[in-house]
Amino acid sequence: MRIHPLLPIALGALLLAGCDISGALGKVNGSVSVQAGTHADHASTVNGSIDIGHDATVGNAKTVNGTITLGAKAAAQELKTVNGEITLGEHANASSATSVNGDIRLAAAAALAQGATSVNGSVTMASGSRIGGGIVNVNGAITLDHANVNGGIKTANGDVTVGTGSVVHGGLHVVKPQGISFGESRKPRIVIESGTTVEGTLQFDRPVDLLVAADAKIGRVVGATAQPYAGK
């Protein structure tokens, strides 16, 4: 995976180009709310947050400088922000979530059909949450708790914790960081806890600390040596 240095700028331009500021749910400065139980084709702002109420549906939600919150049992297609968190409430569903500098959080039983992408933020999946595609990030941590990822995990510098009861299909890939590095960089910490399954190859293109519980089920390991993990 090649991480282009202009990715954050390009995504910012994409979000600005996609903002429809002519509709009732479009603004430049200020927050946007989709009321509970209602529908909106599009919700957008540049400098503000987007709040999608419980049981509401929205085609896509985009902001540059703000958070996006998808309420309990709400549904959306695309969720995109540059400088802000994305949070999916309990039993919420979305096709994809993209954040450049913010965290992506899935509450219990929340789901992403396609995947989660972050550059400098973490991705956290609570109990029962699931991602039909994969997780891709560069510098943030990835944490799963009794969660399911169907399209693999890819990171460059982030720690990864596949927590108890979690299942990952499609393997795990830690790629070499791109760009200039000054001095020796820290090694990502990859933890595969007890009662987990990681199907597919665990590929490491850079040094990592790989810790695997004795009863975890994992695929072939390339580029690292697994050390025993006892919950510490």
Protein backbone atom coordinates (compact mmCIF):
# COMPACT_ATOMS: atom_id res chain seq x y z
CA MET A 1 0.00 0.00 0.00
CA ARG A 2 1.47 3.37 -1.02
CA ILE A 3 0.51 6.23 1.30
CA HIS A 4 0.66 9.39 -0.80
CA PRO A 5 1.75 12.51 1.12
CA LEU A 6 -0.99 14.57 -0.54
CA LEU A 7 -3.80 12.22 0.57
CA PRO A 8 -5.15 14.53 3.35
CA ILE A 9 -5.17 17.52 0.97
CA ALA A 10 -6.88 15.54 -1.76
CA LEU A 11 -9.54 14.26 0.59
CA GLY A 12 -10.14 17.78 1.86
CA ALA A 13 -10.65 19.02 -1.68
CA LEU A 14 -13.00 16.11 -2.35
CA LEU A 15 -15.14 16.97 0.62
CA LEU A 16 -15.33 20.64 -0.32
CA ALA A 17 -16.29 19.75 -3.88
CA GLY A 18 -19.04 17.47 -2.59
CA CYS A 19 -20.68 20.04 -0.29
CA ASP A 20 -24.16 21.06 -1.44
CA ILE A 21 -24.66 24.32 0.42
CA SER A 22 -27.89 25.21 -1.36
CA GLY A 23 -30.16 22.73 0.44
CA ALA A 24 -31.69 22.86 3.91
CA LEU A 25 -29.07 20.42 5.18
CA GLY A 26 -26.06 22.19 3.68
CA LYS A 27 -23.94 24.85 5.40
CA VAL A 28 -20.48 26.40 5.29
CA ASN A 29 -20.20 27.41 8.95
CA GLY A 30 -22.29 25.64 11.53
CA SER A 31 -23.55 22.23 12.54
CA VAL A 32 -26.15 20.19 10.66
CA SER A 33 -28.73 17.90 12.26
CA VAL A 34 -30.85 15.18 10.68
CA GLN A 35 -33.76 14.77 13.05
CA ALA A 36 -34.63 11.37 14.52
CA GLY A 37 -36.71 9.18 12.24
CA THR A 38 -36.35 11.45 9.20
CA HIS A 39 -34.57 11.07 5.85
CA ALA A 40 -32.08 13.30 4.04
CA ASP A 41 -30.35 12.62 0.74
CA HIS A 42 -27.34 14.68 1.74
CA ALA A 43 -25.98 16.45 4.83
CA SER A 44 -22.90 18.67 4.52
CA THR A 45 -20.96 21.45 6.17
CA VAL A 46 -17.41 22.80 6.08
CA ASN A 47 -16.85 24.10 9.61
CA GLY A 48 -19.24 22.20 11.80
CA SER A 49 -20.42 18.82 12.99
CA ILE A 50 -23.14 16.57 11.58
CA ASP A 51 -25.54 14.80 13.93
CA ILE A 52 -27.79 12.10 12.48
CA GLY A 53 -30.53 11.19 14.96
CA HIS A 54 -31.68 7.72 15.93
CA ASP A 55 -33.62 5.80 13.28
CA ALA A 56 -32.79 8.50 10.71
CA THR A 57 -31.39 7.77 7.24
CA VAL A 58 -29.05 9.86 5.11
CA GLY A 59 -27.47 9.26 1.73
CA ASN A 60 -24.11 10.78 2.64
CA ALA A 61 -22.68 13.08 5.29
CA LYS A 62 -19.56 15.18 4.67
CA THR A 63 -17.69 17.78 6.68
CA VAL A 64 -14.17 19.19 6.73
CA ASN A 65 -13.76 20.48 10.28
CA GLY A 66 -16.22 18.62 12.45
CA THR A 67 -17.41 15.34 13.86
CA ILE A 68 -20.05 13.04 12.40
CA THR A 69 -22.36 11.11 14.71
CA LEU A 70 -24.69 8.40 13.41
CA GLY A 71 -27.31 7.71 16.06
CA ALA A 72 -28.66 4.39 17.28
CA LYS A 73 -30.32 2.36 14.52
CA ALA A 74 -29.60 5.12 12.00
CA ALA A 75 -28.33 4.37 8.50
CA ALA A 76 -26.09 6.16 5.99
CA GLN A 77 -24.12 5.53 2.83
CA GLU A 78 -20.92 7.59 3.06
CA LEU A 79 -19.52 9.30 6.15
CA LYS A 80 -16.51 11.56 5.43
CA THR A 81 -14.57 14.10 7.48
CA VAL A 82 -11.05 15.53 7.44
CA ASN A 83 -10.63 16.90 10.97
CA GLY A 84 -13.10 15.11 13.19
CA GLU A 85 -14.27 11.85 14.69
CA ILE A 86 -16.87 9.53 13.19
CA THR A 87 -19.07 7.66 15.67
CA LEU A 88 -21.66 4.99 14.89
CA GLY A 89 -24.21 4.39 17.64
CA GLU A 90 -25.65 1.04 18.68
CA HIS A 91 -27.09 -0.94 15.75
CA ALA A 92 -26.24 1.89 13.35
CA ASN A 93 -25.30 0.98 9.77
CA ALA A 94 -23.24 2.74 7.11
CA SER A 95 -21.52 1.70 3.91
CA SER A 96 -18.19 3.43 4.57
CA ALA A 97 -16.46 5.81 6.98
CA THR A 98 -13.42 7.95 6.11
CA SER A 99 -11.54 10.33 8.41
CA VAL A 100 -8.11 11.86 7.82
CA ASN A 101 -7.27 13.20 11.29
CA GLY A 102 -9.98 11.77 13.52
CA ASP A 103 -10.95 8.52 15.18
CA ILE A 104 -13.61 6.12 13.90
CA ARG A 105 -15.68 4.40 16.59
CA LEU A 106 -18.30 1.67 16.22
CA ALA A 107 -20.61 1.09 19.19
CA ALA A 108 -22.16 -2.26 20.04
CA ALA A 109 -23.66 -4.06 17.02
CA ALA A 110 -22.89 -1.15 14.67
CA ALA A 111 -21.88 -2.07 11.12
CA LEU A 112 -19.95 -0.73 8.13
CA ALA A 113 -20.73 -2.54 4.89
CA GLN A 114 -17.59 -1.58 2.96
CA GLY A 115 -14.90 -0.44 5.37
CA ALA A 116 -13.19 2.14 7.56
CA THR A 117 -10.30 4.35 6.42
CA SER A 118 -8.28 6.70 8.60
CA VAL A 119 -4.85 8.33 8.26
CA ASN A 120 -4.00 9.75 11.69
CA GLY A 121 -6.89 8.44 13.79
CA SER A 122 -7.72 5.21 15.56
CA VAL A 123 -10.41 2.68 14.65
CA THR A 124 -12.29 1.12 17.58
CA MET A 125 -14.94 -1.60 17.30
CA ALA A 126 -17.14 -2.44 20.30
CA SER A 127 -18.79 -5.78 21.04
CA GLY A 128 -20.86 -7.19 18.20
CA SER A 129 -19.82 -4.55 15.66
CA ARG A 130 -18.81 -5.65 12.17
CA ILE A 131 -17.17 -4.35 9.02
CA GLY A 132 -18.00 -6.09 5.75
CA GLY A 133 -14.88 -4.71 4.06
CA GLY A 134 -11.54 -3.91 5.65
CA ILE A 135 -9.81 -1.43 7.96
CA VAL A 136 -7.03 0.75 6.52
CA ASN A 137 -5.07 3.32 8.51
CA VAL A 138 -1.57 4.77 8.76
CA ASN A 139 -0.75 6.08 12.23
CA GLY A 140 -3.63 5.22 14.56
CA ALA A 141 -4.39 2.22 16.71
CA ILE A 142 -6.91 -0.43 15.67
CA THR A 143 -8.84 -2.15 18.47
CA LEU A 144 -11.45 -4.90 18.16
CA ASP A 145 -13.59 -6.23 21.01
CA HIS A 146 -15.76 -9.23 20.10
CA ALA A 147 -15.96 -7.71 16.63
CA ASN A 148 -15.87 -9.01 13.06
CA VAL A 149 -13.85 -7.68 10.11
CA ASN A 150 -14.41 -9.38 6.77
CA GLY A 151 -11.84 -7.64 4.54
CA GLY A 152 -8.63 -7.69 6.52
CA ILE A 153 -6.61 -5.07 8.41
CA LYS A 154 -3.84 -2.88 6.95
CA THR A 155 -1.68 -0.33 8.79
CA ALA A 156 1.77 1.25 8.66
CA ASN A 157 2.55 2.61 12.14
CA GLY A 158 -0.46 1.75 14.28
CA ASP A 159 -0.80 -0.78 17.07
CA VAL A 160 -3.40 -3.49 16.47
CA THR A 161 -5.36 -5.37 19.13
CA VAL A 162 -7.59 -8.20 17.96
CA GLY A 163 -9.51 -8.60 21.21
CA THR A 164 -11.14 -11.68 22.68
CA GLY A 165 -13.99 -13.10 20.61
CA SER A 166 -13.04 -11.19 17.47
CA VAL A 167 -12.77 -12.65 13.97
CA VAL A 168 -10.76 -11.16 11.11
CA HIS A 169 -11.08 -12.57 7.59
CA GLY A 170 -8.59 -11.48 4.96
CA GLY A 171 -5.45 -11.40 7.07
CA LEU A 172 -3.42 -8.61 8.62
CA HIS A 173 -0.78 -6.51 6.81
CA VAL A 174 1.69 -4.05 8.33
CA VAL A 175 3.34 -2.10 5.51
CA LYS A 176 6.52 -0.03 5.44
CA PRO A 177 5.96 3.66 6.26
CA GLN A 178 6.35 6.06 3.37
CA GLY A 179 8.33 9.29 3.39
CA ILE A 180 11.39 10.47 5.32
CA SER A 181 12.14 8.94 8.72
CA PHE A 182 14.49 10.55 11.27
CA GLY A 183 15.99 8.00 13.60
CA GLU A 184 14.66 4.58 14.51
CA SER A 185 10.88 4.42 14.56
CA ARG A 186 9.00 2.48 17.24
CA LYS A 187 7.76 -0.96 16.37
CA PRO A 188 4.00 -1.41 16.13
CA ARG A 189 2.57 -3.74 18.79
CA ILE A 190 0.30 -6.42 17.33
CA VAL A 191 -1.73 -8.38 19.89
CA ILE A 192 -3.89 -11.38 19.04
CA GLU A 193 -5.80 -12.17 22.22
CA SER A 194 -7.30 -15.43 23.49
CA GLY A 195 -10.35 -16.80 21.68
CA THR A 196 -9.73 -14.93 18.43
CA THR A 197 -9.39 -15.95 14.79
CA VAL A 198 -7.35 -14.22 12.09
CA GLU A 199 -7.84 -16.01 8.78
CA GLY A 200 -5.39 -15.35 5.97
CA THR A 201 -1.73 -14.32 5.98
CA LEU A 202 -0.25 -12.10 8.67
CA GLN A 203 2.27 -10.13 6.56
CA PHE A 204 4.81 -7.81 8.18
CA ASP A 205 6.94 -5.63 5.91
CA ARG A 206 8.63 -3.90 8.86
CA PRO A 207 9.71 -4.93 12.39
CA VAL A 208 6.84 -5.41 14.84
CA ASP A 209 6.21 -6.90 18.26
CA LEU A 210 3.81 -9.76 17.54
CA LEU A 211 2.08 -11.27 20.58
CA VAL A 212 -0.27 -14.21 20.08
CA ALA A 213 -2.33 -16.08 22.71
CA ALA A 214 -1.85 -19.84 22.82
CA ASP A 215 -5.43 -20.65 21.79
CA ALA A 216 -5.74 -17.99 19.06
CA LYS A 217 -6.25 -19.27 15.53
CA ILE A 218 -4.12 -17.46 12.98
CA GLY A 219 -2.93 -17.95 9.42
CA ARG A 220 0.62 -18.06 8.08
CA VAL A 221 2.99 -15.47 9.57
CA VAL A 222 5.46 -13.78 7.21
CA GLY A 223 8.13 -11.32 8.33
CA ALA A 224 7.82 -11.68 12.11
CA THR A 225 8.14 -14.21 14.91
CA ALA A 226 5.15 -14.68 17.18
CA GLN A 227 5.74 -14.37 20.91
CA PRO A 228 3.39 -15.83 23.55
CA TYR A 229 0.74 -13.48 24.93
CA ALA A 230 -0.75 -14.02 28.37
CA GLY A 231 -2.98 -10.98 28.71
CA LYS A 232 -0.43 -8.37 29.76
